[in-house]
Amino acid sequence: VSTTLYNAALLAGLNVVERHPHSLAVPYVEPSFDAMVSDGNADLRFINATGGRVYLAAAADGKRLTITVYGRTPAFTVKRVSKTLKTSDPGYRTVYDETIEEDTVTLPSKPSLVSTATVEFYVDGKLTNTLPLSRDSYGGVMGIITKKPPESHK
């Protein structure tokens, strides 16, 4: 919900004044365009500086969440730009299990990464401004490969 609201606010031209990334990159949005909230620790806050009223509407159908920002149509369009600066694969560790028939990847690895987010503002199709938003670091997850133990381990 917070990620969807964050992106709706950005695309509507609202000023985001507080946003926190997840600790791991999420699969449903580009790096640095996620947002996480946590009771008492992290919030998502934005300011309406459009000069008019805005109205937020949310709808969910069990699979998809849509947030619409109604208000004065801005004179610009917004493009979100995510750049991954660095990735690092934490690799895999091996776990031996006598009960399995064949080697399997029990848990795929997930790389750590560093990324940046900017928004570009366009008027009549021409870039007029670029606003840097964040530089984020996401942790990685070491994968697990489960193997039958070699004869020497039995």
N, C-alpha and C. Protein backbone atom coordinates (compact mmCIF):
# COMPACT_ATOMS: atom_id res chain seq x y z
N VAL A 1 0.83 -1.19 0.00
CA VAL A 1 0.00 0.00 0.00
C VAL A 1 0.88 1.26 0.00
N SER A 2 1.89 1.27 0.86
CA SER A 2 2.74 2.47 0.95
C SER A 2 3.50 2.72 -0.35
N THR A 3 3.95 1.67 -1.01
CA THR A 3 4.66 1.83 -2.28
C THR A 3 3.72 2.40 -3.34
N THR A 4 2.51 1.90 -3.41
CA THR A 4 1.54 2.40 -4.39
C THR A 4 1.20 3.85 -4.12
N LEU A 5 0.98 4.20 -2.87
CA LEU A 5 0.68 5.58 -2.51
C LEU A 5 1.86 6.49 -2.83
N TYR A 6 3.07 6.05 -2.53
CA TYR A 6 4.28 6.83 -2.82
C TYR A 6 4.37 7.15 -4.31
N ASN A 7 4.20 6.16 -5.16
CA ASN A 7 4.30 6.38 -6.59
C ASN A 7 3.16 7.23 -7.13
N ALA A 8 1.96 7.07 -6.59
CA ALA A 8 0.83 7.92 -6.99
C ALA A 8 1.13 9.38 -6.64
N ALA A 9 1.67 9.61 -5.45
CA ALA A 9 2.01 10.98 -5.04
C ALA A 9 3.08 11.58 -5.96
N LEU A 10 4.11 10.80 -6.28
CA LEU A 10 5.16 11.29 -7.18
C LEU A 10 4.60 11.66 -8.55
N LEU A 11 3.80 10.76 -9.11
CA LEU A 11 3.27 10.98 -10.45
C LEU A 11 2.27 12.13 -10.50
N ALA A 12 1.65 12.45 -9.35
CA ALA A 12 0.71 13.56 -9.28
C ALA A 12 1.42 14.89 -9.02
N GLY A 13 2.74 14.85 -8.81
CA GLY A 13 3.49 16.07 -8.57
C GLY A 13 3.42 16.57 -7.15
N LEU A 14 3.05 15.68 -6.21
CA LEU A 14 3.04 16.07 -4.80
C LEU A 14 4.47 15.98 -4.25
N ASN A 15 4.77 16.76 -3.24
CA ASN A 15 6.11 16.80 -2.66
C ASN A 15 6.23 15.77 -1.54
N VAL A 16 7.03 14.75 -1.75
CA VAL A 16 7.23 13.73 -0.73
C VAL A 16 8.31 14.24 0.23
N VAL A 17 7.96 14.31 1.51
CA VAL A 17 8.90 14.83 2.51
C VAL A 17 9.44 13.75 3.44
N GLU A 18 8.82 12.57 3.44
CA GLU A 18 9.37 11.44 4.21
C GLU A 18 9.02 10.14 3.52
N ARG A 19 10.04 9.33 3.30
CA ARG A 19 9.87 8.02 2.67
C ARG A 19 11.01 7.13 3.11
N HIS A 20 10.73 5.86 3.36
CA HIS A 20 11.74 4.90 3.79
C HIS A 20 11.68 3.68 2.88
N PRO A 21 12.85 3.18 2.44
CA PRO A 21 12.85 1.98 1.59
C PRO A 21 12.71 0.72 2.44
N HIS A 22 12.35 -0.37 1.79
CA HIS A 22 12.36 -1.68 2.44
C HIS A 22 13.82 -2.09 2.68
N SER A 23 14.05 -3.08 3.51
CA SER A 23 15.42 -3.55 3.75
C SER A 23 15.92 -4.42 2.60
N LEU A 24 15.00 -5.07 1.89
CA LEU A 24 15.34 -5.86 0.70
C LEU A 24 14.59 -5.26 -0.49
N ALA A 25 15.18 -5.32 -1.67
CA ALA A 25 14.48 -4.85 -2.87
C ALA A 25 13.23 -5.69 -3.07
N VAL A 26 12.15 -5.06 -3.47
CA VAL A 26 10.89 -5.76 -3.68
C VAL A 26 10.69 -6.04 -5.17
N PRO A 27 9.98 -7.11 -5.52
CA PRO A 27 9.85 -7.47 -6.93
C PRO A 27 8.79 -6.69 -7.70
N TYR A 28 7.94 -5.93 -7.01
CA TYR A 28 6.80 -5.32 -7.68
C TYR A 28 7.01 -3.87 -8.11
N VAL A 29 8.21 -3.32 -7.88
CA VAL A 29 8.49 -1.95 -8.33
C VAL A 29 10.00 -1.81 -8.49
N GLU A 30 10.42 -0.86 -9.32
CA GLU A 30 11.84 -0.65 -9.55
C GLU A 30 12.54 -0.24 -8.25
N PRO A 31 13.84 -0.59 -8.13
CA PRO A 31 14.57 -0.18 -6.92
C PRO A 31 14.50 1.33 -6.69
N SER A 32 14.38 1.70 -5.46
CA SER A 32 14.29 3.08 -4.98
C SER A 32 12.93 3.73 -5.23
N PHE A 33 11.96 2.96 -5.73
CA PHE A 33 10.60 3.48 -5.84
C PHE A 33 9.63 2.70 -4.94
N ASP A 34 10.18 2.04 -3.94
CA ASP A 34 9.37 1.38 -2.93
C ASP A 34 9.26 2.30 -1.72
N ALA A 35 8.30 2.03 -0.87
CA ALA A 35 8.14 2.79 0.36
C ALA A 35 7.63 1.84 1.44
N MET A 36 8.16 2.01 2.63
CA MET A 36 7.82 1.15 3.76
C MET A 36 7.40 2.03 4.92
N VAL A 37 6.38 1.61 5.64
CA VAL A 37 6.00 2.29 6.88
C VAL A 37 6.04 1.28 8.01
N SER A 38 6.34 1.78 9.19
CA SER A 38 6.43 0.93 10.38
C SER A 38 5.97 1.76 11.56
N ASP A 39 5.07 1.21 12.34
CA ASP A 39 4.48 1.92 13.46
C ASP A 39 5.55 2.50 14.39
N GLY A 40 5.57 3.81 14.48
CA GLY A 40 6.47 4.50 15.39
C GLY A 40 7.88 4.69 14.87
N ASN A 41 8.24 4.06 13.74
CA ASN A 41 9.62 4.14 13.25
C ASN A 41 9.75 4.83 11.90
N ALA A 42 8.84 4.56 11.00
CA ALA A 42 8.97 5.08 9.64
C ALA A 42 7.58 5.43 9.11
N ASP A 43 7.52 6.53 8.40
CA ASP A 43 6.24 6.97 7.86
C ASP A 43 6.42 7.41 6.42
N LEU A 44 5.33 7.63 5.75
CA LEU A 44 5.31 8.20 4.41
C LEU A 44 4.51 9.49 4.51
N ARG A 45 5.16 10.60 4.18
CA ARG A 45 4.49 11.89 4.27
C ARG A 45 4.72 12.67 2.98
N PHE A 46 3.69 13.36 2.54
CA PHE A 46 3.83 14.22 1.37
C PHE A 46 2.98 15.47 1.58
N ILE A 47 3.32 16.51 0.81
CA ILE A 47 2.67 17.81 0.93
C ILE A 47 2.02 18.14 -0.40
N ASN A 48 0.83 18.68 -0.33
CA ASN A 48 0.15 19.16 -1.52
C ASN A 48 0.56 20.60 -1.77
N ALA A 49 1.43 20.81 -2.75
CA ALA A 49 1.86 22.17 -3.11
C ALA A 49 1.36 22.51 -4.52
N THR A 50 0.25 21.89 -4.93
CA THR A 50 -0.26 22.10 -6.28
C THR A 50 -1.03 23.39 -6.44
N GLY A 51 -1.41 24.01 -5.32
CA GLY A 51 -2.21 25.23 -5.39
C GLY A 51 -3.71 24.94 -5.44
N GLY A 52 -4.08 23.69 -5.39
CA GLY A 52 -5.50 23.31 -5.38
C GLY A 52 -5.71 22.15 -4.45
N ARG A 53 -6.93 21.74 -4.31
CA ARG A 53 -7.25 20.60 -3.46
C ARG A 53 -6.92 19.30 -4.19
N VAL A 54 -6.59 18.28 -3.40
CA VAL A 54 -6.42 16.94 -3.97
C VAL A 54 -7.31 15.99 -3.20
N TYR A 55 -7.71 14.93 -3.88
CA TYR A 55 -8.55 13.90 -3.31
C TYR A 55 -7.93 12.57 -3.67
N LEU A 56 -7.72 11.71 -2.69
CA LEU A 56 -7.14 10.40 -2.92
C LEU A 56 -8.24 9.34 -2.87
N ALA A 57 -8.21 8.43 -3.82
CA ALA A 57 -9.17 7.32 -3.83
C ALA A 57 -8.38 6.04 -4.02
N ALA A 58 -8.73 5.02 -3.25
CA ALA A 58 -8.05 3.73 -3.35
C ALA A 58 -9.08 2.64 -3.61
N ALA A 59 -8.68 1.67 -4.43
CA ALA A 59 -9.54 0.53 -4.73
C ALA A 59 -8.67 -0.71 -4.82
N ALA A 60 -9.20 -1.82 -4.30
CA ALA A 60 -8.47 -3.09 -4.35
C ALA A 60 -9.44 -4.18 -4.77
N ASP A 61 -8.91 -5.14 -5.55
CA ASP A 61 -9.77 -6.25 -5.99
C ASP A 61 -9.24 -7.60 -5.53
N GLY A 62 -8.34 -7.62 -4.57
CA GLY A 62 -7.76 -8.87 -4.10
C GLY A 62 -6.43 -9.19 -4.74
N LYS A 63 -6.18 -8.68 -5.93
CA LYS A 63 -4.91 -8.91 -6.63
C LYS A 63 -4.19 -7.61 -6.93
N ARG A 64 -4.91 -6.53 -7.03
CA ARG A 64 -4.33 -5.27 -7.47
C ARG A 64 -4.88 -4.13 -6.64
N LEU A 65 -4.00 -3.19 -6.31
CA LEU A 65 -4.38 -1.97 -5.60
C LEU A 65 -4.17 -0.80 -6.54
N THR A 66 -5.15 0.06 -6.62
CA THR A 66 -5.05 1.27 -7.43
C THR A 66 -5.30 2.47 -6.54
N ILE A 67 -4.42 3.45 -6.61
CA ILE A 67 -4.63 4.71 -5.91
C ILE A 67 -4.65 5.81 -6.96
N THR A 68 -5.71 6.60 -6.93
CA THR A 68 -5.87 7.70 -7.87
C THR A 68 -5.83 9.01 -7.11
N VAL A 69 -5.09 9.96 -7.65
CA VAL A 69 -5.02 11.30 -7.07
C VAL A 69 -5.81 12.22 -7.99
N TYR A 70 -6.89 12.78 -7.45
CA TYR A 70 -7.70 13.72 -8.20
C TYR A 70 -7.34 15.13 -7.75
N GLY A 71 -7.31 16.05 -8.69
CA GLY A 71 -7.01 17.44 -8.37
C GLY A 71 -6.73 18.21 -9.63
N ARG A 72 -6.12 19.33 -9.46
CA ARG A 72 -5.75 20.20 -10.57
C ARG A 72 -4.75 19.46 -11.46
N THR A 73 -4.99 19.44 -12.75
CA THR A 73 -4.06 18.79 -13.68
C THR A 73 -2.80 19.64 -13.79
N PRO A 74 -1.64 19.04 -13.46
CA PRO A 74 -0.41 19.83 -13.54
C PRO A 74 -0.04 20.15 -14.99
N ALA A 75 0.77 21.18 -15.16
CA ALA A 75 1.22 21.59 -16.50
C ALA A 75 2.38 20.72 -16.97
N PHE A 76 2.74 19.74 -16.20
CA PHE A 76 3.89 18.89 -16.53
C PHE A 76 3.51 17.43 -16.40
N THR A 77 4.34 16.58 -16.98
CA THR A 77 4.23 15.14 -16.74
C THR A 77 5.49 14.70 -16.02
N VAL A 78 5.38 13.58 -15.33
CA VAL A 78 6.47 13.09 -14.50
C VAL A 78 6.91 11.72 -15.00
N LYS A 79 8.21 11.54 -15.08
CA LYS A 79 8.78 10.23 -15.42
C LYS A 79 9.69 9.81 -14.27
N ARG A 80 9.50 8.59 -13.78
CA ARG A 80 10.34 8.05 -12.71
C ARG A 80 11.54 7.35 -13.33
N VAL A 81 12.72 7.55 -12.76
CA VAL A 81 13.95 6.92 -13.28
C VAL A 81 14.68 6.24 -12.13
N SER A 82 14.84 4.92 -12.25
CA SER A 82 15.58 4.12 -11.27
C SER A 82 16.88 3.68 -11.91
N LYS A 83 17.98 3.86 -11.20
CA LYS A 83 19.28 3.39 -11.69
C LYS A 83 19.92 2.51 -10.62
N THR A 84 20.32 1.31 -11.04
CA THR A 84 21.05 0.43 -10.14
C THR A 84 22.53 0.72 -10.31
N LEU A 85 23.18 1.12 -9.23
CA LEU A 85 24.59 1.52 -9.27
C LEU A 85 25.52 0.34 -9.00
N LYS A 86 25.06 -0.60 -8.16
CA LYS A 86 25.94 -1.69 -7.75
C LYS A 86 25.09 -2.87 -7.30
N THR A 87 25.53 -4.07 -7.66
CA THR A 87 24.90 -5.28 -7.14
C THR A 87 25.98 -6.21 -6.62
N SER A 88 25.61 -7.04 -5.69
CA SER A 88 26.54 -8.03 -5.15
C SER A 88 25.76 -9.29 -4.82
N ASP A 89 26.15 -10.40 -5.43
CA ASP A 89 25.46 -11.68 -5.22
C ASP A 89 26.04 -12.35 -3.98
N PRO A 90 25.21 -12.62 -2.98
CA PRO A 90 25.70 -13.26 -1.76
C PRO A 90 26.00 -14.74 -1.93
N GLY A 91 25.63 -15.32 -3.05
CA GLY A 91 25.95 -16.72 -3.32
C GLY A 91 25.00 -17.69 -2.64
N TYR A 92 25.47 -18.92 -2.52
CA TYR A 92 24.66 -20.01 -1.96
C TYR A 92 25.44 -20.75 -0.89
N ARG A 93 24.71 -21.33 0.04
CA ARG A 93 25.32 -22.27 0.98
C ARG A 93 24.66 -23.62 0.72
N THR A 94 25.41 -24.67 1.01
CA THR A 94 24.92 -26.02 0.74
C THR A 94 24.46 -26.67 2.03
N VAL A 95 23.31 -27.30 1.95
CA VAL A 95 22.75 -28.07 3.06
C VAL A 95 22.62 -29.50 2.55
N TYR A 96 23.08 -30.46 3.35
CA TYR A 96 22.99 -31.87 2.94
C TYR A 96 21.79 -32.53 3.60
N ASP A 97 21.07 -33.32 2.79
CA ASP A 97 19.86 -33.99 3.28
C ASP A 97 19.80 -35.38 2.65
N GLU A 98 19.88 -36.40 3.47
CA GLU A 98 19.88 -37.79 2.98
C GLU A 98 18.54 -38.21 2.38
N THR A 99 17.49 -37.48 2.69
CA THR A 99 16.15 -37.91 2.27
C THR A 99 15.77 -37.47 0.87
N ILE A 100 16.55 -36.58 0.25
CA ILE A 100 16.15 -36.08 -1.07
C ILE A 100 16.67 -36.99 -2.18
N GLU A 101 15.99 -36.94 -3.31
CA GLU A 101 16.36 -37.76 -4.46
C GLU A 101 17.35 -37.04 -5.38
N GLU A 102 17.19 -35.71 -5.51
CA GLU A 102 18.11 -34.96 -6.37
C GLU A 102 18.39 -33.59 -5.78
N ASP A 103 19.51 -32.99 -6.17
CA ASP A 103 19.90 -31.67 -5.67
C ASP A 103 18.87 -30.63 -6.12
N THR A 104 18.55 -29.71 -5.22
CA THR A 104 17.57 -28.66 -5.55
C THR A 104 18.01 -27.33 -4.95
N VAL A 105 17.58 -26.25 -5.59
CA VAL A 105 17.74 -24.92 -5.01
C VAL A 105 16.54 -24.72 -4.11
N THR A 106 16.78 -24.75 -2.81
CA THR A 106 15.71 -24.62 -1.83
C THR A 106 15.27 -23.17 -1.69
N LEU A 107 16.24 -22.27 -1.76
CA LEU A 107 15.97 -20.84 -1.65
C LEU A 107 16.89 -20.12 -2.62
N PRO A 108 16.35 -19.41 -3.63
CA PRO A 108 17.24 -18.69 -4.54
C PRO A 108 17.92 -17.52 -3.83
N SER A 109 19.13 -17.20 -4.26
CA SER A 109 19.80 -16.04 -3.68
C SER A 109 19.18 -14.77 -4.23
N LYS A 110 19.31 -13.71 -3.47
CA LYS A 110 18.80 -12.41 -3.89
C LYS A 110 19.95 -11.41 -3.71
N PRO A 111 20.36 -10.74 -4.79
CA PRO A 111 21.51 -9.85 -4.67
C PRO A 111 21.21 -8.61 -3.83
N SER A 112 22.25 -8.13 -3.16
CA SER A 112 22.14 -6.81 -2.54
C SER A 112 22.34 -5.79 -3.65
N LEU A 113 21.83 -4.58 -3.44
CA LEU A 113 22.03 -3.57 -4.47
C LEU A 113 21.98 -2.18 -3.90
N VAL A 114 22.59 -1.26 -4.65
CA VAL A 114 22.54 0.16 -4.35
C VAL A 114 21.90 0.82 -5.57
N SER A 115 20.91 1.67 -5.33
CA SER A 115 20.20 2.30 -6.44
C SER A 115 19.86 3.75 -6.11
N THR A 116 19.52 4.48 -7.16
CA THR A 116 19.07 5.86 -6.99
C THR A 116 17.72 6.03 -7.69
N ALA A 117 16.97 7.01 -7.23
CA ALA A 117 15.71 7.37 -7.87
C ALA A 117 15.72 8.86 -8.15
N THR A 118 15.26 9.20 -9.33
CA THR A 118 15.03 10.60 -9.70
C THR A 118 13.68 10.69 -10.39
N VAL A 119 13.12 11.88 -10.39
CA VAL A 119 11.95 12.12 -11.22
C VAL A 119 12.31 13.22 -12.20
N GLU A 120 11.85 13.03 -13.42
CA GLU A 120 12.06 14.01 -14.48
C GLU A 120 10.72 14.67 -14.78
N PHE A 121 10.75 15.98 -14.94
CA PHE A 121 9.54 16.74 -15.25
C PHE A 121 9.60 17.21 -16.69
N TYR A 122 8.50 16.99 -17.41
CA TYR A 122 8.42 17.36 -18.83
C TYR A 122 7.25 18.31 -19.05
N VAL A 123 7.49 19.33 -19.86
CA VAL A 123 6.44 20.24 -20.29
C VAL A 123 6.45 20.21 -21.82
N ASP A 124 5.31 19.90 -22.39
CA ASP A 124 5.19 19.77 -23.85
C ASP A 124 6.24 18.82 -24.42
N GLY A 125 6.52 17.74 -23.70
CA GLY A 125 7.45 16.72 -24.17
C GLY A 125 8.92 17.06 -23.98
N LYS A 126 9.23 18.20 -23.39
CA LYS A 126 10.63 18.61 -23.19
C LYS A 126 10.98 18.54 -21.71
N LEU A 127 12.15 17.97 -21.43
CA LEU A 127 12.63 17.86 -20.05
C LEU A 127 12.91 19.26 -19.50
N THR A 128 12.27 19.59 -18.38
CA THR A 128 12.46 20.92 -17.78
C THR A 128 13.17 20.88 -16.43
N ASN A 129 13.11 19.72 -15.75
CA ASN A 129 13.74 19.64 -14.43
C ASN A 129 13.95 18.17 -14.06
N THR A 130 15.02 17.91 -13.33
CA THR A 130 15.28 16.59 -12.78
C THR A 130 15.48 16.74 -11.29
N LEU A 131 14.73 15.96 -10.53
CA LEU A 131 14.78 16.04 -9.08
C LEU A 131 15.30 14.73 -8.51
N PRO A 132 16.50 14.74 -7.88
CA PRO A 132 16.97 13.52 -7.22
C PRO A 132 16.12 13.24 -5.99
N LEU A 133 15.73 11.97 -5.82
CA LEU A 133 14.89 11.60 -4.68
C LEU A 133 15.65 10.86 -3.60
N SER A 134 16.37 9.80 -3.99
CA SER A 134 17.01 8.99 -2.96
C SER A 134 18.14 8.15 -3.53
N ARG A 135 18.97 7.71 -2.62
CA ARG A 135 20.00 6.69 -2.88
C ARG A 135 19.77 5.64 -1.81
N ASP A 136 19.50 4.41 -2.23
CA ASP A 136 19.10 3.37 -1.29
C ASP A 136 20.01 2.16 -1.39
N SER A 137 20.20 1.50 -0.26
CA SER A 137 20.95 0.25 -0.19
C SER A 137 20.02 -0.85 0.29
N TYR A 138 19.98 -1.93 -0.46
CA TYR A 138 19.13 -3.07 -0.12
C TYR A 138 20.01 -4.27 0.18
N GLY A 139 19.68 -4.99 1.22
CA GLY A 139 20.43 -6.18 1.59
C GLY A 139 20.16 -7.34 0.65
N GLY A 140 21.05 -8.30 0.67
CA GLY A 140 20.88 -9.51 -0.13
C GLY A 140 20.51 -10.69 0.75
N VAL A 141 20.15 -11.78 0.11
CA VAL A 141 19.81 -13.00 0.83
C VAL A 141 20.62 -14.14 0.23
N MET A 142 21.37 -14.83 1.08
CA MET A 142 22.13 -15.98 0.62
C MET A 142 21.18 -17.11 0.29
N GLY A 143 21.37 -17.72 -0.87
CA GLY A 143 20.53 -18.83 -1.28
C GLY A 143 20.94 -20.13 -0.61
N ILE A 144 20.08 -21.12 -0.73
CA ILE A 144 20.37 -22.44 -0.15
C ILE A 144 20.19 -23.50 -1.23
N ILE A 145 21.19 -24.34 -1.37
CA ILE A 145 21.12 -25.50 -2.26
C ILE A 145 21.11 -26.74 -1.37
N THR A 146 20.12 -27.58 -1.57
CA THR A 146 20.03 -28.82 -0.80
C THR A 146 20.53 -29.96 -1.69
N LYS A 147 21.50 -30.71 -1.16
CA LYS A 147 22.13 -31.80 -1.92
C LYS A 147 22.08 -33.09 -1.13
N LYS A 148 22.13 -34.18 -1.88
CA LYS A 148 22.35 -35.49 -1.27
C LYS A 148 23.79 -35.51 -0.79
N PRO A 149 24.06 -36.01 0.40
CA PRO A 149 25.45 -36.01 0.87
C PRO A 149 26.30 -36.97 0.02
N PRO A 150 27.55 -36.59 -0.21
CA PRO A 150 28.44 -37.52 -0.91
C PRO A 150 28.68 -38.78 -0.06
N GLU A 151 29.10 -39.83 -0.69
CA GLU A 151 29.34 -41.11 0.02
C GLU A 151 30.25 -40.92 1.22
N SER A 152 31.22 -40.00 1.12
CA SER A 152 32.18 -39.80 2.21
C SER A 152 31.56 -39.18 3.45
N HIS A 153 30.36 -38.56 3.33
CA HIS A 153 29.68 -37.94 4.47
C HIS A 153 28.71 -38.87 5.17
N LYS A 154 28.51 -40.05 4.64
CA LYS A 154 27.50 -40.95 5.22
C LYS A 154 28.06 -41.70 6.41
